[in-house]
Amino acid sequence: MSGARRPSYAIEVRQAVAQDLPAVHRIVTAAYAEFEPWLTPENWGRMTGNIARVVEPGAPGRLRVAELGGRIAGTVTYLPPGPKDYSGSRPSGRSSGCWGWTLGCADA
């Protein structure tokens, strides 16, 4: 090997701010895109509408983002207990190990 080093990126998990919301919406929608071919257009529209409501300002829960290399690579929303228990979304950085690490920082 020629001594070239792979860049090392630290993962920063923080509370989402308003300017993060477009990127969060894109990540969450992309995470669920695999289901689009299996849904009717009406149901896909309903699903993406539900996704949008989870990440809109003032939505219940604590929205966190994970930054990797200066960009938002993942997101998770911690919702209060209730009849349904939602745990968040898978990030675009799945192969980086970011997802498992993000889940481990619920109190961050």
Protein backbone atom coordinates (compact mmCIF):
# COMPACT_ATOMS: atom_id res chain seq x y z
CA MET A 1 0.00 0.00 0.00
CA SER A 2 1.29 3.48 -0.80
CA GLY A 3 0.56 4.87 2.64
CA ALA A 4 -2.68 6.54 1.58
CA ARG A 5 -4.99 6.93 4.52
CA ARG A 6 -8.75 6.69 4.42
CA PRO A 7 -10.42 9.82 5.74
CA SER A 8 -11.83 9.42 9.22
CA TYR A 9 -15.11 11.11 9.93
CA ALA A 10 -16.57 11.65 13.34
CA ILE A 11 -20.29 11.16 13.70
CA GLU A 12 -22.02 14.05 15.41
CA VAL A 13 -25.53 13.45 16.73
CA ARG A 14 -27.51 16.54 17.60
CA GLN A 15 -30.98 17.95 17.80
CA ALA A 16 -32.33 18.86 14.38
CA VAL A 17 -32.80 22.53 13.56
CA ALA A 18 -35.18 24.08 11.03
CA GLN A 19 -32.62 24.22 8.22
CA ASP A 20 -32.08 20.43 8.57
CA LEU A 21 -35.70 19.55 7.80
CA PRO A 22 -35.47 19.40 3.97
CA ALA A 23 -32.52 16.98 4.19
CA VAL A 24 -34.26 14.95 6.89
CA HIS A 25 -37.37 14.68 4.74
CA ARG A 26 -35.30 13.52 1.74
CA ILE A 27 -33.51 10.88 3.84
CA VAL A 28 -36.70 9.52 5.39
CA THR A 29 -38.55 9.46 2.07
CA ALA A 30 -35.60 7.66 0.42
CA ALA A 31 -35.54 5.13 3.26
CA TYR A 32 -39.15 4.18 2.51
CA ALA A 33 -38.91 4.43 -1.29
CA GLU A 34 -38.45 0.67 -1.60
CA PHE A 35 -42.14 0.29 -0.68
CA GLU A 36 -43.48 2.57 -3.43
CA PRO A 37 -43.78 -0.18 -6.10
CA TRP A 38 -45.86 -2.26 -3.69
CA LEU A 39 -48.35 0.49 -2.87
CA THR A 40 -51.10 2.09 -4.87
CA PRO A 41 -50.40 5.72 -5.81
CA GLU A 42 -53.04 6.74 -3.25
CA ASN A 43 -51.40 4.74 -0.45
CA TRP A 44 -47.93 5.96 -1.42
CA GLY A 45 -49.22 9.53 -1.25
CA ARG A 46 -50.69 8.84 2.18
CA MET A 47 -47.43 7.29 3.37
CA THR A 48 -45.26 10.18 2.16
CA GLY A 49 -47.72 12.60 3.76
CA ASN A 50 -47.33 10.77 7.07
CA ILE A 51 -43.55 10.89 6.70
CA ALA A 52 -43.69 14.65 6.11
CA ARG A 53 -45.76 15.17 9.27
CA VAL A 54 -43.21 13.32 11.41
CA VAL A 55 -40.44 15.72 10.40
CA GLU A 56 -42.35 18.99 10.23
CA PRO A 57 -41.71 21.74 12.79
CA GLY A 58 -43.69 21.17 15.96
CA ALA A 59 -44.17 17.43 15.39
CA PRO A 60 -44.21 15.34 18.56
CA GLY A 61 -41.03 13.64 19.66
CA ARG A 62 -37.36 14.50 19.58
CA LEU A 63 -35.87 14.71 16.11
CA ARG A 64 -32.15 14.00 15.96
CA VAL A 65 -29.76 14.04 13.03
CA ALA A 66 -26.41 12.34 12.57
CA GLU A 67 -23.81 14.25 10.60
CA LEU A 68 -21.03 12.38 8.89
CA GLY A 69 -18.37 14.24 6.98
CA GLY A 70 -20.28 17.52 7.31
CA ARG A 71 -23.55 16.26 5.86
CA ILE A 72 -26.68 14.81 7.38
CA ALA A 73 -26.38 11.05 6.95
CA GLY A 74 -29.16 9.82 9.21
CA THR A 75 -32.07 10.73 11.38
CA VAL A 76 -34.13 9.30 14.17
CA THR A 77 -37.25 10.54 15.90
CA TYR A 78 -37.96 9.48 19.46
CA LEU A 79 -41.71 9.58 20.02
CA PRO A 80 -43.49 9.43 23.35
CA PRO A 81 -44.98 6.08 24.37
CA GLY A 82 -48.46 5.41 23.11
CA PRO A 83 -50.60 2.92 21.26
CA LYS A 84 -47.97 2.73 18.51
CA ASP A 85 -44.25 2.67 19.16
CA TYR A 86 -42.28 4.29 16.33
CA SER A 87 -38.52 4.25 16.45
CA GLY A 88 -37.34 6.39 13.54
CA SER A 89 -35.89 5.89 10.11
CA ARG A 90 -32.84 4.30 8.60
CA PRO A 91 -30.21 6.75 7.40
CA SER A 92 -28.53 6.89 4.04
CA GLY A 93 -25.26 6.05 5.83
CA ARG A 94 -26.27 2.46 6.66
CA SER A 95 -22.95 0.97 5.61
CA SER A 96 -21.02 3.41 7.78
CA GLY A 97 -22.41 1.94 11.00
CA CYS A 98 -24.02 5.28 11.74
CA TRP A 99 -27.51 3.80 12.28
CA GLY A 100 -26.58 1.49 15.14
CA TRP A 101 -24.56 4.20 16.81
CA THR A 102 -27.42 6.71 16.48
CA LEU A 103 -29.84 4.34 18.19
CA GLY A 104 -27.46 4.04 21.09
CA CYS A 105 -27.64 7.72 21.95
CA ALA A 106 -31.28 8.25 22.89
CA ASP A 107 -30.29 10.69 25.60
CA ALA A 108 -27.93 12.70 23.39
